[in-house]
Amino acid sequence: VQLQASGGGLVQAGGSLRLSCAAGRTSSNNAMGWFRQAPGKEREFVAAISWRGSSTYYTDSVKGRFTISRDNAKNMVYLQMNSLKPEDAAVYYCARSRFTYGSNRQADFGSWGQGTQVTVSS
């Protein structure tokens, strides 16, 4: 099932964006995650959510600023990003885990969508 991420754009530092991922009907039993890749850097974990949405996981640099959520009825996953910083600029990818629980390991995620660009101006 193809994952479709959207919602990226250009925002000033301190601003907010909400990323969306159309996860597909078969994703409701899978944990989902967001990763990002900045130019010249490796792709890194940002956030993950368990299949029911009861557990969430964040990388330390976004804790308190980003919120991952999901709506299984709509097969959607979201990443609300507040207080954006220039270092948050990257291509953001949503991904579907092979498991029901979330994790920060890229190897646990078997399906990836195309990225959406987030640019943060200082």
PDB file of N, CA and C in Angstrom:
ATOM      1  N   VAL A   1       0.854  -1.192   0.000  1.00  0.00           N
ATOM      2  CA  VAL A   1       0.000   0.000   0.000  1.00  0.00           C
ATOM      3  C   VAL A   1       0.884   1.234   0.000  1.00  0.00           C
ATOM      4  N   GLN A   2       0.642   2.117  -0.941  1.00  0.00           N
ATOM      5  CA  GLN A   2       1.454   3.316  -1.050  1.00  0.00           C
ATOM      6  C   GLN A   2       1.100   4.283   0.068  1.00  0.00           C
ATOM      7  N   LEU A   3       2.116   4.864   0.645  1.00  0.00           N
ATOM      8  CA  LEU A   3       1.931   5.882   1.663  1.00  0.00           C
ATOM      9  C   LEU A   3       2.112   7.241   1.008  1.00  0.00           C
ATOM     10  N   GLN A   4       1.225   8.154   1.309  1.00  0.00           N
ATOM     11  CA  GLN A   4       1.264   9.469   0.697  1.00  0.00           C
ATOM     12  C   GLN A   4       1.393  10.526   1.782  1.00  0.00           C
ATOM     13  N   ALA A   5       2.546  11.171   1.833  1.00  0.00           N
ATOM     14  CA  ALA A   5       2.775  12.240   2.807  1.00  0.00           C
ATOM     15  C   ALA A   5       2.519  13.584   2.148  1.00  0.00           C
ATOM     16  N   SER A   6       2.008  14.508   2.928  1.00  0.00           N
ATOM     17  CA  SER A   6       1.734  15.850   2.432  1.00  0.00           C
ATOM     18  C   SER A   6       1.788  16.832   3.590  1.00  0.00           C
ATOM     19  N   GLY A   7       1.714  18.110   3.261  1.00  0.00           N
ATOM     20  CA  GLY A   7       1.642  19.134   4.279  1.00  0.00           C
ATOM     21  C   GLY A   7       2.917  19.910   4.515  1.00  0.00           C
ATOM     22  N   GLY A   8       3.976  19.530   3.827  1.00  0.00           N
ATOM     23  CA  GLY A   8       5.212  20.272   3.982  1.00  0.00           C
ATOM     24  C   GLY A   8       5.122  21.651   3.362  1.00  0.00           C
ATOM     25  N   GLY A   9       6.123  22.462   3.625  1.00  0.00           N
ATOM     26  CA  GLY A   9       6.135  23.803   3.070  1.00  0.00           C
ATOM     27  C   GLY A   9       7.202  24.646   3.716  1.00  0.00           C
ATOM     28  N   LEU A  10       7.109  25.923   3.483  1.00  0.00           N
ATOM     29  CA  LEU A  10       8.037  26.902   4.026  1.00  0.00           C
ATOM     30  C   LEU A  10       7.375  27.610   5.198  1.00  0.00           C
ATOM     31  N   VAL A  11       8.074  27.658   6.306  1.00  0.00           N
ATOM     32  CA  VAL A  11       7.542  28.314   7.493  1.00  0.00           C
ATOM     33  C   VAL A  11       8.677  29.047   8.201  1.00  0.00           C
ATOM     34  N   GLN A  12       8.332  30.099   8.873  1.00  0.00           N
ATOM     35  CA  GLN A  12       9.335  30.821   9.647  1.00  0.00           C
ATOM     36  C   GLN A  12       9.627  30.084  10.952  1.00  0.00           C
ATOM     37  N   ALA A  13      10.796  30.289  11.461  1.00  0.00           N
ATOM     38  CA  ALA A  13      11.152  29.706  12.752  1.00  0.00           C
ATOM     39  C   ALA A  13      10.124  30.129  13.798  1.00  0.00           C
ATOM     40  N   GLY A  14       9.720  29.173  14.606  1.00  0.00           N
ATOM     41  CA  GLY A  14       8.676  29.424  15.590  1.00  0.00           C
ATOM     42  C   GLY A  14       7.284  29.088  15.101  1.00  0.00           C
ATOM     43  N   GLY A  15       7.167  28.850  13.818  1.00  0.00           N
ATOM     44  CA  GLY A  15       5.866  28.542  13.229  1.00  0.00           C
ATOM     45  C   GLY A  15       5.501  27.081  13.357  1.00  0.00           C
ATOM     46  N   SER A  16       4.388  26.737  12.722  1.00  0.00           N
ATOM     47  CA  SER A  16       3.848  25.377  12.826  1.00  0.00           C
ATOM     48  C   SER A  16       3.487  24.836  11.455  1.00  0.00           C
ATOM     49  N   LEU A  17       3.562  23.535  11.353  1.00  0.00           N
ATOM     50  CA  LEU A  17       3.082  22.805  10.190  1.00  0.00           C
ATOM     51  C   LEU A  17       2.453  21.515  10.668  1.00  0.00           C
ATOM     52  N   ARG A  18       1.520  21.024   9.880  1.00  0.00           N
ATOM     53  CA  ARG A  18       0.931  19.729  10.165  1.00  0.00           C
ATOM     54  C   ARG A  18       1.110  18.827   8.954  1.00  0.00           C
ATOM     55  N   LEU A  19       1.861  17.784   9.135  1.00  0.00           N
ATOM     56  CA  LEU A  19       2.057  16.812   8.076  1.00  0.00           C
ATOM     57  C   LEU A  19       0.991  15.726   8.162  1.00  0.00           C
ATOM     58  N   SER A  20       0.583  15.261   7.016  1.00  0.00           N
ATOM     59  CA  SER A  20      -0.411  14.195   6.952  1.00  0.00           C
ATOM     60  C   SER A  20       0.138  13.040   6.134  1.00  0.00           C
ATOM     61  N   CYS A  21      -0.286  11.857   6.474  1.00  0.00           N
ATOM     62  CA  CYS A  21       0.114  10.672   5.724  1.00  0.00           C
ATOM     63  C   CYS A  21      -1.111   9.803   5.505  1.00  0.00           C
ATOM     64  N   ALA A  22      -1.444   9.595   4.246  1.00  0.00           N
ATOM     65  CA  ALA A  22      -2.509   8.659   3.906  1.00  0.00           C
ATOM     66  C   ALA A  22      -1.907   7.265   3.957  1.00  0.00           C
ATOM     67  N   ALA A  23      -2.315   6.510   4.966  1.00  0.00           N
ATOM     68  CA  ALA A  23      -1.619   5.268   5.272  1.00  0.00           C
ATOM     69  C   ALA A  23      -2.199   4.041   4.590  1.00  0.00           C
ATOM     70  N   GLY A  24      -3.396   4.136   4.062  1.00  0.00           N
ATOM     71  CA  GLY A  24      -3.966   2.971   3.413  1.00  0.00           C
ATOM     72  C   GLY A  24      -4.717   2.091   4.393  1.00  0.00           C
ATOM     73  N   ARG A  25      -5.705   1.394   3.879  1.00  0.00           N
ATOM     74  CA  ARG A  25      -6.620   0.612   4.709  1.00  0.00           C
ATOM     75  C   ARG A  25      -5.924  -0.465   5.511  1.00  0.00           C
ATOM     76  N   THR A  26      -4.879  -1.054   4.993  1.00  0.00           N
ATOM     77  CA  THR A  26      -4.221  -2.160   5.680  1.00  0.00           C
ATOM     78  C   THR A  26      -3.256  -1.708   6.755  1.00  0.00           C
ATOM     79  N   SER A  27      -3.170  -0.406   7.009  1.00  0.00           N
ATOM     80  CA  SER A  27      -2.199   0.080   7.983  1.00  0.00           C
ATOM     81  C   SER A  27      -2.768   0.194   9.385  1.00  0.00           C
ATOM     82  N   SER A  28      -4.057  -0.070   9.565  1.00  0.00           N
ATOM     83  CA  SER A  28      -4.672   0.175  10.872  1.00  0.00           C
ATOM     84  C   SER A  28      -4.117  -0.743  11.950  1.00  0.00           C
ATOM     85  N   ASN A  29      -3.512  -1.860  11.582  1.00  0.00           N
ATOM     86  CA  ASN A  29      -2.936  -2.773  12.568  1.00  0.00           C
ATOM     87  C   ASN A  29      -1.425  -2.621  12.707  1.00  0.00           C
ATOM     88  N   ASN A  30      -0.886  -1.587  12.115  1.00  0.00           N
ATOM     89  CA  ASN A  30       0.551  -1.373  12.132  1.00  0.00           C
ATOM     90  C   ASN A  30       0.900  -0.082  12.853  1.00  0.00           C
ATOM     91  N   ALA A  31       1.991  -0.125  13.562  1.00  0.00           N
ATOM     92  CA  ALA A  31       2.551   1.127  14.060  1.00  0.00           C
ATOM     93  C   ALA A  31       3.002   1.958  12.867  1.00  0.00           C
ATOM     94  N   MET A  32       2.996   3.256  13.051  1.00  0.00           N
ATOM     95  CA  MET A  32       3.413   4.166  11.993  1.00  0.00           C
ATOM     96  C   MET A  32       4.464   5.119  12.535  1.00  0.00           C
ATOM     97  N   GLY A  33       5.248   5.650  11.632  1.00  0.00           N
ATOM     98  CA  GLY A  33       6.304   6.539  12.081  1.00  0.00           C
ATOM     99  C   GLY A  33       6.596   7.650  11.091  1.00  0.00           C
ATOM    100  N   TRP A  34       7.289   8.640  11.586  1.00  0.00           N
ATOM    101  CA  TRP A  34       7.813   9.725  10.760  1.00  0.00           C
ATOM    102  C   TRP A  34       9.329   9.759  10.919  1.00  0.00           C
ATOM    103  N   PHE A  35       9.987   9.922   9.803  1.00  0.00           N
ATOM    104  CA  PHE A  35      11.427  10.070   9.773  1.00  0.00           C
ATOM    105  C   PHE A  35      11.742  11.310   8.947  1.00  0.00           C
ATOM    106  N   ARG A  36      12.971  11.783   9.046  1.00  0.00           N
ATOM    107  CA  ARG A  36      13.359  12.944   8.253  1.00  0.00           C
ATOM    108  C   ARG A  36      14.805  12.806   7.803  1.00  0.00           C
ATOM    109  N   GLN A  37      15.083  13.476   6.710  1.00  0.00           N
ATOM    110  CA  GLN A  37      16.440  13.479   6.191  1.00  0.00           C
ATOM    111  C   GLN A  37      16.777  14.870   5.704  1.00  0.00           C
ATOM    112  N   ALA A  38      17.792  15.441   6.329  1.00  0.00           N
ATOM    113  CA  ALA A  38      18.292  16.748   5.928  1.00  0.00           C
ATOM    114  C   ALA A  38      19.412  16.560   4.913  1.00  0.00           C
ATOM    115  N   PRO A  39      19.690  17.578   4.096  1.00  0.00           N
ATOM    116  CA  PRO A  39      20.756  17.450   3.100  1.00  0.00           C
ATOM    117  C   PRO A  39      22.081  17.079   3.738  1.00  0.00           C
ATOM    118  N   GLY A  40      22.716  16.077   3.184  1.00  0.00           N
ATOM    119  CA  GLY A  40      24.010  15.661   3.678  1.00  0.00           C
ATOM    120  C   GLY A  40      23.982  14.840   4.944  1.00  0.00           C
ATOM    121  N   LYS A  41      22.797  14.526   5.418  1.00  0.00           N
ATOM    122  CA  LYS A  41      22.676  13.752   6.652  1.00  0.00           C
ATOM    123  C   LYS A  41      21.909  12.461   6.395  1.00  0.00           C
ATOM    124  N   GLU A  42      22.071  11.547   7.316  1.00  0.00           N
ATOM    125  CA  GLU A  42      21.339  10.307   7.205  1.00  0.00           C
ATOM    126  C   GLU A  42      19.891  10.515   7.659  1.00  0.00           C
ATOM    127  N   ARG A  43      19.043   9.641   7.171  1.00  0.00           N
ATOM    128  CA  ARG A  43      17.650   9.688   7.601  1.00  0.00           C
ATOM    129  C   ARG A  43      17.571   9.336   9.081  1.00  0.00           C
ATOM    130  N   GLU A  44      16.756  10.079   9.815  1.00  0.00           N
ATOM    131  CA  GLU A  44      16.672   9.861  11.252  1.00  0.00           C
ATOM    132  C   GLU A  44      15.217   9.748  11.703  1.00  0.00           C
ATOM    133  N   PHE A  45      15.061   9.061  12.792  1.00  0.00           N
ATOM    134  CA  PHE A  45      13.754   8.876  13.396  1.00  0.00           C
ATOM    135  C   PHE A  45      13.245  10.185  13.986  1.00  0.00           C
ATOM    136  N   VAL A  46      11.953  10.433  13.846  1.00  0.00           N
ATOM    137  CA  VAL A  46      11.331  11.603  14.451  1.00  0.00           C
ATOM    138  C   VAL A  46      10.289  11.186  15.487  1.00  0.00           C
ATOM    139  N   ALA A  47       9.322  10.374  15.065  1.00  0.00           N
ATOM    140  CA  ALA A  47       8.236   9.993  15.961  1.00  0.00           C
ATOM    141  C   ALA A  47       7.585   8.712  15.466  1.00  0.00           C
ATOM    142  N   ALA A  48       6.953   8.009  16.392  1.00  0.00           N
ATOM    143  CA  ALA A  48       6.225   6.794  16.035  1.00  0.00           C
ATOM    144  C   ALA A  48       5.011   6.665  16.941  1.00  0.00           C
ATOM    145  N   ILE A  49       4.040   5.904  16.448  1.00  0.00           N
ATOM    146  CA  ILE A  49       2.812   5.703  17.203  1.00  0.00           C
ATOM    147  C   ILE A  49       2.375   4.257  17.031  1.00  0.00           C
ATOM    148  N   SER A  50       1.916   3.662  18.115  1.00  0.00           N
ATOM    149  CA  SER A  50       1.474   2.276  18.064  1.00  0.00           C
ATOM    150  C   SER A  50       0.171   2.151  17.277  1.00  0.00           C
ATOM    151  N   TRP A  51      -0.226   0.929  17.000  1.00  0.00           N
ATOM    152  CA  TRP A  51      -1.358   0.719  16.091  1.00  0.00           C
ATOM    153  C   TRP A  51      -2.669   1.269  16.621  1.00  0.00           C
ATOM    154  N   ARG A  52      -2.818   1.298  17.923  1.00  0.00           N
ATOM    155  CA  ARG A  52      -4.047   1.867  18.491  1.00  0.00           C
ATOM    156  C   ARG A  52      -3.882   3.346  18.836  1.00  0.00           C
ATOM    157  N   GLY A  53      -2.659   3.813  18.744  1.00  0.00           N
ATOM    158  CA  GLY A  53      -2.415   5.198  19.107  1.00  0.00           C
ATOM    159  C   GLY A  53      -2.209   5.410  20.597  1.00  0.00           C
ATOM    160  N   SER A  54      -2.122   4.325  21.347  1.00  0.00           N
ATOM    161  CA  SER A  54      -2.009   4.455  22.794  1.00  0.00           C
ATOM    162  C   SER A  54      -0.596   4.774  23.253  1.00  0.00           C
ATOM    163  N   SER A  55       0.386   4.510  22.407  1.00  0.00           N
ATOM    164  CA  SER A  55       1.774   4.778  22.758  1.00  0.00           C
ATOM    165  C   SER A  55       2.435   5.600  21.656  1.00  0.00           C
ATOM    166  N   THR A  56       3.187   6.578  22.082  1.00  0.00           N
ATOM    167  CA  THR A  56       3.916   7.419  21.136  1.00  0.00           C
ATOM    168  C   THR A  56       5.380   7.506  21.553  1.00  0.00           C
ATOM    169  N   TYR A  57       6.206   7.750  20.584  1.00  0.00           N
ATOM    170  CA  TYR A  57       7.647   7.794  20.793  1.00  0.00           C
ATOM    171  C   TYR A  57       8.200   8.978  20.008  1.00  0.00           C
ATOM    172  N   TYR A  58       9.178   9.666  20.597  1.00  0.00           N
ATOM    173  CA  TYR A  58       9.755  10.825  19.950  1.00  0.00           C
ATOM    174  C   TYR A  58      11.261  10.833  20.126  1.00  0.00           C
ATOM    175  N   THR A  59      11.930  11.370  19.141  1.00  0.00           N
ATOM    176  CA  THR A  59      13.341  11.649  19.350  1.00  0.00           C
ATOM    177  C   THR A  59      13.437  12.853  20.280  1.00  0.00           C
ATOM    178  N   ASP A  60      14.495  12.915  21.033  1.00  0.00           N
ATOM    179  CA  ASP A  60      14.607  13.933  22.083  1.00  0.00           C
ATOM    180  C   ASP A  60      14.474  15.358  21.541  1.00  0.00           C
ATOM    181  N   SER A  61      14.988  15.607  20.367  1.00  0.00           N
ATOM    182  CA  SER A  61      15.023  16.977  19.858  1.00  0.00           C
ATOM    183  C   SER A  61      13.638  17.535  19.513  1.00  0.00           C
ATOM    184  N   VAL A  62      12.627  16.685  19.422  1.00  0.00           N
ATOM    185  CA  VAL A  62      11.298  17.190  19.066  1.00  0.00           C
ATOM    186  C   VAL A  62      10.288  17.029  20.203  1.00  0.00           C
ATOM    187  N   LYS A  63      10.696  16.415  21.278  1.00  0.00           N
ATOM    188  CA  LYS A  63       9.780  16.233  22.399  1.00  0.00           C
ATOM    189  C   LYS A  63       9.264  17.568  22.900  1.00  0.00           C
ATOM    190  N   GLY A  64       7.953  17.638  23.116  1.00  0.00           N
ATOM    191  CA  GLY A  64       7.348  18.867  23.581  1.00  0.00           C
ATOM    192  C   GLY A  64       6.982  19.825  22.477  1.00  0.00           C
ATOM    193  N   ARG A  65       7.457  19.549  21.255  1.00  0.00           N
ATOM    194  CA  ARG A  65       7.146  20.426  20.121  1.00  0.00           C
ATOM    195  C   ARG A  65       6.329  19.705  19.061  1.00  0.00           C
ATOM    196  N   PHE A  66       6.594  18.440  18.851  1.00  0.00           N
ATOM    197  CA  PHE A  66       5.903  17.656  17.823  1.00  0.00           C
ATOM    198  C   PHE A  66       4.941  16.686  18.482  1.00  0.00           C
ATOM    199  N   THR A  67       3.843  16.427  17.790  1.00  0.00           N
ATOM    200  CA  THR A  67       2.870  15.459  18.259  1.00  0.00           C
ATOM    201  C   THR A  67       2.449  14.559  17.109  1.00  0.00           C
ATOM    202  N   ILE A  68       2.612  13.269  17.293  1.00  0.00           N
ATOM    203  CA  ILE A  68       2.154  12.308  16.298  1.00  0.00           C
ATOM    204  C   ILE A  68       0.793  11.781  16.716  1.00  0.00           C
ATOM    205  N   SER A  69      -0.071  11.598  15.761  1.00  0.00           N
ATOM    206  CA  SER A  69      -1.403  11.076  16.041  1.00  0.00           C
ATOM    207  C   SER A  69      -1.886  10.285  14.838  1.00  0.00           C
ATOM    208  N   ARG A  70      -2.954   9.562  15.034  1.00  0.00           N
ATOM    209  CA  ARG A  70      -3.511   8.784  13.924  1.00  0.00           C
ATOM    210  C   ARG A  70      -5.016   8.700  14.047  1.00  0.00           C
ATOM    211  N   ASP A  71      -5.638   8.527  12.920  1.00  0.00           N
ATOM    212  CA  ASP A  71      -7.075   8.327  12.855  1.00  0.00           C
ATOM    213  C   ASP A  71      -7.281   7.076  12.017  1.00  0.00           C
ATOM    214  N   ASN A  72      -7.451   5.953  12.663  1.00  0.00           N
ATOM    215  CA  ASN A  72      -7.554   4.692  11.931  1.00  0.00           C
ATOM    216  C   ASN A  72      -8.824   4.610  11.093  1.00  0.00           C
ATOM    217  N   ALA A  73      -9.859   5.316  11.499  1.00  0.00           N
ATOM    218  CA  ALA A  73     -11.089   5.315  10.707  1.00  0.00           C
ATOM    219  C   ALA A  73     -10.860   5.963   9.344  1.00  0.00           C
ATOM    220  N   LYS A  74      -9.933   6.908   9.303  1.00  0.00           N
ATOM    221  CA  LYS A  74      -9.621   7.605   8.058  1.00  0.00           C
ATOM    222  C   LYS A  74      -8.319   7.110   7.435  1.00  0.00           C
ATOM    223  N   ASN A  75      -7.660   6.168   8.103  1.00  0.00           N
ATOM    224  CA  ASN A  75      -6.370   5.666   7.613  1.00  0.00           C
ATOM    225  C   ASN A  75      -5.358   6.785   7.436  1.00  0.00           C
ATOM    226  N   MET A  76      -5.317   7.666   8.420  1.00  0.00           N
ATOM    227  CA  MET A  76      -4.433   8.816   8.347  1.00  0.00           C
ATOM    228  C   MET A  76      -3.512   8.868   9.559  1.00  0.00           C
ATOM    229  N   VAL A  77      -2.333   9.363   9.344  1.00  0.00           N
ATOM    230  CA  VAL A  77      -1.364   9.617  10.409  1.00  0.00           C
ATOM    231  C   VAL A  77      -0.920  11.067  10.261  1.00  0.00           C
ATOM    232  N   TYR A  78      -0.733  11.723  11.380  1.00  0.00           N
ATOM    233  CA  TYR A  78      -0.405  13.146  11.362  1.00  0.00           C
ATOM    234  C   TYR A  78       0.853  13.419  12.191  1.00  0.00           C
ATOM    235  N   LEU A  79       1.511  14.493  11.851  1.00  0.00           N
ATOM    236  CA  LEU A  79       2.616  14.996  12.660  1.00  0.00           C
ATOM    237  C   LEU A  79       2.417  16.500  12.790  1.00  0.00           C
ATOM    238  N   GLN A  80       1.977  16.903  13.959  1.00  0.00           N
ATOM    239  CA  GLN A  80       1.839  18.323  14.260  1.00  0.00           C
ATOM    240  C   GLN A  80       3.177  18.840  14.741  1.00  0.00           C
ATOM    241  N   MET A  81       3.703  19.828  14.052  1.00  0.00           N
ATOM    242  CA  MET A  81       5.024  20.363  14.379  1.00  0.00           C
ATOM    243  C   MET A  81       4.878  21.821  14.786  1.00  0.00           C
ATOM    244  N   ASN A  82       5.181  22.108  16.023  1.00  0.00           N
ATOM    245  CA  ASN A  82       5.110  23.465  16.556  1.00  0.00           C
ATOM    246  C   ASN A  82       6.512  23.958  16.912  1.00  0.00           C
ATOM    247  N   SER A  83       6.612  25.257  17.084  1.00  0.00           N
ATOM    248  CA  SER A  83       7.884  25.866  17.472  1.00  0.00           C
ATOM    249  C   SER A  83       9.026  25.363  16.588  1.00  0.00           C
ATOM    250  N   LEU A  84       8.805  25.389  15.307  1.00  0.00           N
ATOM    251  CA  LEU A  84       9.790  24.852  14.374  1.00  0.00           C
ATOM    252  C   LEU A  84      11.087  25.646  14.417  1.00  0.00           C
ATOM    253  N   LYS A  85      12.170  24.921  14.255  1.00  0.00           N
ATOM    254  CA  LYS A  85      13.501  25.494  14.264  1.00  0.00           C
ATOM    255  C   LYS A  85      14.155  25.244  12.911  1.00  0.00           C
ATOM    256  N   PRO A  86      15.138  26.051  12.549  1.00  0.00           N
ATOM    257  CA  PRO A  86      15.834  25.807  11.278  1.00  0.00           C
ATOM    258  C   PRO A  86      16.398  24.393  11.176  1.00  0.00           C
ATOM    259  N   GLU A  87      16.801  23.823  12.286  1.00  0.00           N
ATOM    260  CA  GLU A  87      17.356  22.467  12.258  1.00  0.00           C
ATOM    261  C   GLU A  87      16.303  21.389  12.030  1.00  0.00           C
ATOM    262  N   ASP A  88      15.030  21.775  12.032  1.00  0.00           N
ATOM    263  CA  ASP A  88      13.971  20.809  11.703  1.00  0.00           C
ATOM    264  C   ASP A  88      13.774  20.674  10.191  1.00  0.00           C
ATOM    265  N   ALA A  89      14.398  21.541   9.427  1.00  0.00           N
ATOM    266  CA  ALA A  89      14.248  21.496   7.974  1.00  0.00           C
ATOM    267  C   ALA A  89      14.787  20.182   7.424  1.00  0.00           C
ATOM    268  N   ALA A  90      13.971  19.533   6.628  1.00  0.00           N
ATOM    269  CA  ALA A  90      14.346  18.231   6.070  1.00  0.00           C
ATOM    270  C   ALA A  90      13.214  17.742   5.181  1.00  0.00           C
ATOM    271  N   VAL A  91      13.481  16.658   4.511  1.00  0.00           N
ATOM    272  CA  VAL A  91      12.403  15.924   3.855  1.00  0.00           C
ATOM    273  C   VAL A  91      11.847  14.942   4.873  1.00  0.00           C
ATOM    274  N   TYR A  92      10.562  14.991   5.094  1.00  0.00           N
ATOM    275  CA  TYR A  92       9.911  14.134   6.078  1.00  0.00           C
ATOM    276  C   TYR A  92       9.203  12.982   5.374  1.00  0.00           C
ATOM    277  N   TYR A  93       9.411  11.785   5.931  1.00  0.00           N
ATOM    278  CA  TYR A  93       8.838  10.576   5.360  1.00  0.00           C
ATOM    279  C   TYR A  93       7.938   9.889   6.389  1.00  0.00           C
ATOM    280  N   CYS A  94       6.798   9.418   5.931  1.00  0.00           N
ATOM    281  CA  CYS A  94       6.026   8.549   6.806  1.00  0.00           C
ATOM    282  C   CYS A  94       6.336   7.099   6.438  1.00  0.00           C
ATOM    283  N   ALA A  95       6.190   6.244   7.404  1.00  0.00           N
ATOM    284  CA  ALA A  95       6.544   4.846   7.201  1.00  0.00           C
ATOM    285  C   ALA A  95       5.633   3.950   8.022  1.00  0.00           C
ATOM    286  N   ARG A  96       5.423   2.750   7.504  1.00  0.00           N
ATOM    287  CA  ARG A  96       4.581   1.773   8.184  1.00  0.00           C
ATOM    288  C   ARG A  96       5.459   0.673   8.752  1.00  0.00           C
ATOM    289  N   SER A  97       5.253   0.412  10.040  1.00  0.00           N
ATOM    290  CA  SER A  97       6.032  -0.623  10.711  1.00  0.00           C
ATOM    291  C   SER A  97       5.514  -2.015  10.359  1.00  0.00           C
ATOM    292  N   ARG A  98       6.388  -2.971  10.532  1.00  0.00           N
ATOM    293  CA  ARG A  98       5.980  -4.370  10.377  1.00  0.00           C
ATOM    294  C   ARG A  98       5.249  -4.870  11.613  1.00  0.00           C
ATOM    295  N   PHE A  99       5.274  -4.071  12.654  1.00  0.00           N
ATOM    296  CA  PHE A  99       4.764  -4.491  13.956  1.00  0.00           C
ATOM    297  C   PHE A  99       3.644  -3.575  14.434  1.00  0.00           C
ATOM    298  N   THR A 100       2.983  -4.010  15.504  1.00  0.00           N
ATOM    299  CA  THR A 100       1.912  -3.186  16.062  1.00  0.00           C
ATOM    300  C   THR A 100       2.453  -2.129  17.019  1.00  0.00           C
ATOM    301  N   TYR A 101       3.615  -2.416  17.581  1.00  0.00           N
ATOM    302  CA  TYR A 101       4.175  -1.458  18.527  1.00  0.00           C
ATOM    303  C   TYR A 101       5.122  -0.521  17.788  1.00  0.00           C
ATOM    304  N   GLY A 102       5.289   0.666  18.336  1.00  0.00           N
ATOM    305  CA  GLY A 102       6.173   1.616  17.696  1.00  0.00           C
ATOM    306  C   GLY A 102       7.611   1.426  18.123  1.00  0.00           C
ATOM    307  N   SER A 103       8.519   1.939  17.341  1.00  0.00           N
ATOM    308  CA  SER A 103       9.936   1.897  17.682  1.00  0.00           C
ATOM    309  C   SER A 103      10.641   2.989  16.910  1.00  0.00           C
ATOM    310  N   ASN A 104      11.901   3.183  17.221  1.00  0.00           N
ATOM    311  CA  ASN A 104      12.689   4.182  16.510  1.00  0.00           C
ATOM    312  C   ASN A 104      13.660   3.552  15.518  1.00  0.00           C
ATOM    313  N   ARG A 105      13.508   2.280  15.274  1.00  0.00           N
ATOM    314  CA  ARG A 105      14.430   1.576  14.390  1.00  0.00           C
ATOM    315  C   ARG A 105      13.904   1.539  12.962  1.00  0.00           C
ATOM    316  N   GLN A 106      14.680   2.067  12.050  1.00  0.00           N
ATOM    317  CA  GLN A 106      14.243   2.102  10.667  1.00  0.00           C
ATOM    318  C   GLN A 106      14.007   0.706  10.114  1.00  0.00           C
ATOM    319  N   ALA A 107      14.763  -0.248  10.610  1.00  0.00           N
ATOM    320  CA  ALA A 107      14.615  -1.617  10.116  1.00  0.00           C
ATOM    321  C   ALA A 107      13.249  -2.213  10.439  1.00  0.00           C
ATOM    322  N   ASP A 108      12.563  -1.641  11.412  1.00  0.00           N
ATOM    323  CA  ASP A 108      11.233  -2.147  11.776  1.00  0.00           C
ATOM    324  C   ASP A 108      10.157  -1.675  10.804  1.00  0.00           C
ATOM    325  N   PHE A 109      10.502  -0.719   9.977  1.00  0.00           N
ATOM    326  CA  PHE A 109       9.530  -0.122   9.066  1.00  0.00           C
ATOM    327  C   PHE A 109       9.757  -0.659   7.666  1.00  0.00           C
ATOM    328  N   GLY A 110       8.723  -1.287   7.118  1.00  0.00           N
ATOM    329  CA  GLY A 110       8.882  -1.963   5.840  1.00  0.00           C
ATOM    330  C   GLY A 110       8.347  -1.214   4.652  1.00  0.00           C
ATOM    331  N   SER A 111       7.528  -0.194   4.885  1.00  0.00           N
ATOM    332  CA  SER A 111       6.951   0.555   3.772  1.00  0.00           C
ATOM    333  C   SER A 111       7.161   2.039   4.009  1.00  0.00           C
ATOM    334  N   TRP A 112       7.535   2.704   2.937  1.00  0.00           N
ATOM    335  CA  TRP A 112       7.860   4.124   3.038  1.00  0.00           C
ATOM    336  C   TRP A 112       7.118   4.903   1.963  1.00  0.00           C
ATOM    337  N   GLY A 113       6.707   6.114   2.339  1.00  0.00           N
ATOM    338  CA  GLY A 113       6.097   6.975   1.355  1.00  0.00           C
ATOM    339  C   GLY A 113       7.116   7.904   0.741  1.00  0.00           C
ATOM    340  N   GLN A 114       6.671   8.682  -0.216  1.00  0.00           N
ATOM    341  CA  GLN A 114       7.534   9.720  -0.756  1.00  0.00           C
ATOM    342  C   GLN A 114       7.615  10.812   0.292  1.00  0.00           C
ATOM    343  N   GLY A 115       8.634  11.582   0.277  1.00  0.00           N
ATOM    344  CA  GLY A 115       8.820  12.595   1.295  1.00  0.00           C
ATOM    345  C   GLY A 115       8.079  13.877   0.994  1.00  0.00           C
ATOM    346  N   THR A 116       7.956  14.681   2.019  1.00  0.00           N
ATOM    347  CA  THR A 116       7.418  16.034   1.876  1.00  0.00           C
ATOM    348  C   THR A 116       8.422  16.995   2.481  1.00  0.00           C
ATOM    349  N   GLN A 117       8.712  18.036   1.764  1.00  0.00           N
ATOM    350  CA  GLN A 117       9.785  18.961   2.152  1.00  0.00           C
ATOM    351  C   GLN A 117       9.289  19.958   3.200  1.00  0.00           C
ATOM    352  N   VAL A 118      10.067  20.090   4.250  1.00  0.00           N
ATOM    353  CA  VAL A 118       9.816  21.115   5.261  1.00  0.00           C
ATOM    354  C   VAL A 118      11.007  22.054   5.269  1.00  0.00           C
ATOM    355  N   THR A 119      10.746  23.323   5.068  1.00  0.00           N
ATOM    356  CA  THR A 119      11.786  24.339   5.073  1.00  0.00           C
ATOM    357  C   THR A 119      11.467  25.346   6.158  1.00  0.00           C
ATOM    358  N   VAL A 120      12.436  25.636   6.996  1.00  0.00           N
ATOM    359  CA  VAL A 120      12.238  26.563   8.104  1.00  0.00           C
ATOM    360  C   VAL A 120      13.217  27.712   7.947  1.00  0.00           C
ATOM    361  N   SER A 121      12.695  28.896   7.793  1.00  0.00           N
ATOM    362  CA  SER A 121      13.552  30.070   7.642  1.00  0.00           C
ATOM    363  C   SER A 121      13.817  30.708   8.996  1.00  0.00           C
ATOM    364  N   SER A 122      15.013  31.189   9.142  1.00  0.00           N
ATOM    365  CA  SER A 122      15.401  31.782  10.438  1.00  0.00           C
ATOM    366  C   SER A 122      15.125  33.278  10.448  1.00  0.00           C
TER     367      SER A 122
END
